[in-house]
Amino acid sequence: MADRVVRDTNVWISGLLWRGTPHQIVLLARAGVLLPIFSQSMLDELLTKLKTNFDFSEVDVQITEQEITEMGEEIEITSEAHYVANDRKDDQFVGCAILGIATAIISGDKHLLELGTIEDIPILYPRDYLKRIEKQ
């Protein structure tokens, strides 16, 4: 069974554009080793940033959206619970992880990482996530 993970926007962007540790996580998702879970608001944020900050064409945005929706699972966030006091925009990642029964949140965001764990879901840097699954 694939590991169910939430990735924050910057981990997605790094994984799609560069060849570092976040890219290894994208490759694991493409291989079916992990299942990316996301909400529509998370996907919208990612696609908007790719288009506006990284000059993705409309076609590239559509291809990226298709790939993510085909390899992942969309979770409908049904509440507006607050988890991250210092950055309410990060609540979407935590809410998605809880509702989607994630095994981890992968992030480089200090506000998320400061939580450490929420409802038994660890919040890990990409490199720490890779170390964790290597042990499995």
Protein backbone atom coordinates (compact mmCIF):
# COMPACT_ATOMS: atom_id res chain seq x y z
CA MET A 1 0.00 0.00 0.00
CA ALA A 2 1.33 3.42 -0.98
CA ASP A 3 2.27 5.96 1.68
CA ARG A 4 -0.36 8.74 1.78
CA VAL A 5 1.45 12.09 1.89
CA VAL A 6 0.65 15.78 1.73
CA ARG A 7 3.31 18.00 0.19
CA ASP A 8 3.32 21.73 0.62
CA THR A 9 3.43 23.97 -2.43
CA ASN A 10 7.16 24.66 -2.27
CA VAL A 11 8.00 20.95 -2.09
CA TRP A 12 5.86 20.37 -5.18
CA ILE A 13 7.52 23.25 -7.03
CA SER A 14 11.05 22.13 -6.10
CA GLY A 15 10.22 18.57 -7.07
CA LEU A 16 8.81 19.54 -10.45
CA LEU A 17 11.50 22.06 -11.42
CA TRP A 18 14.78 20.83 -9.94
CA ARG A 19 16.54 17.52 -9.34
CA GLY A 20 17.09 17.57 -5.55
CA THR A 21 15.44 15.63 -2.75
CA PRO A 22 11.91 16.93 -3.52
CA HIS A 23 12.32 15.58 -7.06
CA GLN A 24 13.03 12.12 -5.64
CA ILE A 25 9.66 12.38 -3.87
CA VAL A 26 7.97 13.24 -7.18
CA LEU A 27 9.60 10.17 -8.72
CA LEU A 28 8.31 8.00 -5.87
CA ALA A 29 4.80 9.31 -6.53
CA ARG A 30 5.13 8.62 -10.25
CA ALA A 31 6.25 5.07 -9.40
CA GLY A 32 3.26 4.57 -7.09
CA VAL A 33 5.37 4.21 -3.94
CA LEU A 34 3.52 7.12 -2.38
CA LEU A 35 0.12 8.63 -2.99
CA PRO A 36 -0.01 12.42 -3.04
CA ILE A 37 -3.13 13.71 -1.37
CA PHE A 38 -4.26 17.26 -2.01
CA SER A 39 -7.23 19.59 -1.88
CA GLN A 40 -8.49 21.74 -4.71
CA SER A 41 -7.23 24.87 -2.94
CA MET A 42 -3.75 23.34 -2.65
CA LEU A 43 -3.74 22.40 -6.34
CA ASP A 44 -4.98 25.87 -7.32
CA GLU A 45 -2.21 27.50 -5.29
CA LEU A 46 0.44 25.34 -6.91
CA LEU A 47 -0.79 25.90 -10.46
CA THR A 48 -1.11 29.66 -9.91
CA LYS A 49 2.46 29.88 -8.61
CA LEU A 50 3.81 27.81 -11.49
CA LYS A 51 2.08 30.09 -13.97
CA THR A 52 2.83 33.46 -12.37
CA ASN A 53 6.24 32.87 -10.74
CA PHE A 54 7.77 30.33 -13.12
CA ASP A 55 6.20 31.28 -16.45
CA PHE A 56 4.47 27.95 -17.04
CA SER A 57 2.39 28.12 -20.19
CA GLU A 58 -1.30 27.25 -20.03
CA VAL A 59 -0.49 23.89 -21.63
CA ASP A 60 2.23 23.16 -19.05
CA VAL A 61 -0.19 24.05 -16.25
CA GLN A 62 -2.81 21.70 -17.70
CA ILE A 63 -0.28 18.86 -18.05
CA THR A 64 0.89 19.35 -14.46
CA GLU A 65 -2.69 19.42 -13.19
CA GLN A 66 -3.52 16.25 -15.09
CA GLU A 67 -0.45 14.44 -13.78
CA ILE A 68 -1.17 15.37 -10.16
CA THR A 69 -4.85 14.48 -10.33
CA GLU A 70 -4.11 11.14 -12.02
CA MET A 71 -1.40 10.05 -9.57
CA GLY A 72 -2.96 11.53 -6.45
CA GLU A 73 -6.18 11.69 -4.50
CA GLU A 74 -8.20 14.84 -4.02
CA ILE A 75 -9.56 15.41 -0.52
CA GLU A 76 -12.45 17.78 0.09
CA ILE A 77 -11.67 19.97 3.08
CA THR A 78 -14.96 20.29 4.90
CA SER A 79 -13.99 22.45 7.85
CA GLU A 80 -12.12 25.63 8.49
CA ALA A 81 -10.25 24.44 11.54
CA HIS A 82 -7.15 26.38 12.52
CA TYR A 83 -3.95 24.50 13.22
CA VAL A 84 -1.10 26.87 12.31
CA ALA A 85 -1.28 30.01 14.42
CA ASN A 86 1.45 31.91 12.57
CA ASP A 87 0.28 31.22 9.02
CA ARG A 88 -3.39 30.43 8.40
CA LYS A 89 -2.65 29.58 4.75
CA ASP A 90 -0.86 26.47 5.99
CA ASP A 91 -4.05 25.16 7.64
CA GLN A 92 -5.07 23.66 4.30
CA PHE A 93 -2.13 21.23 4.37
CA VAL A 94 -2.87 20.06 7.89
CA GLY A 95 -6.61 19.79 7.24
CA CYS A 96 -5.98 17.77 4.09
CA ALA A 97 -3.59 15.46 5.93
CA ILE A 98 -6.05 14.81 8.74
CA LEU A 99 -9.07 14.28 6.50
CA GLY A 100 -7.04 12.24 4.01
CA ILE A 101 -5.54 10.03 6.71
CA ALA A 102 -2.01 10.94 5.66
CA THR A 103 1.06 9.15 6.91
CA ALA A 104 3.14 12.34 6.64
CA ILE A 105 3.22 15.99 5.65
CA ILE A 106 6.34 16.87 3.68
CA SER A 107 7.35 20.49 4.00
CA GLY A 108 10.16 22.97 4.31
CA ASP A 109 7.85 25.58 5.84
CA LYS A 110 8.94 26.58 9.34
CA HIS A 111 5.39 27.16 10.55
CA LEU A 112 4.38 23.63 9.64
CA LEU A 113 7.63 22.06 10.82
CA GLU A 114 7.29 23.76 14.21
CA LEU A 115 4.17 21.67 14.81
CA GLY A 116 6.31 18.52 14.60
CA THR A 117 3.37 16.15 14.62
CA ILE A 118 -0.36 16.71 14.46
CA GLU A 119 -2.85 13.95 15.23
CA ASP A 120 -0.02 11.41 14.94
CA ILE A 121 0.95 12.70 11.47
CA PRO A 122 4.63 13.66 11.35
CA ILE A 123 5.62 16.85 9.55
CA LEU A 124 8.98 16.24 7.91
CA TYR A 125 11.57 17.90 5.72
CA PRO A 126 11.84 16.10 2.37
CA ARG A 127 15.21 14.55 3.30
CA ASP A 128 13.79 13.26 6.61
CA TYR A 129 10.83 11.74 4.80
CA LEU A 130 13.18 9.89 2.42
CA LYS A 131 15.24 8.60 5.35
CA ARG A 132 12.05 7.39 7.01
CA ILE A 133 10.87 5.39 4.01
CA GLU A 134 14.33 3.94 3.40
CA LYS A 135 14.00 2.27 6.81
CA GLN A 136 10.69 0.63 5.90
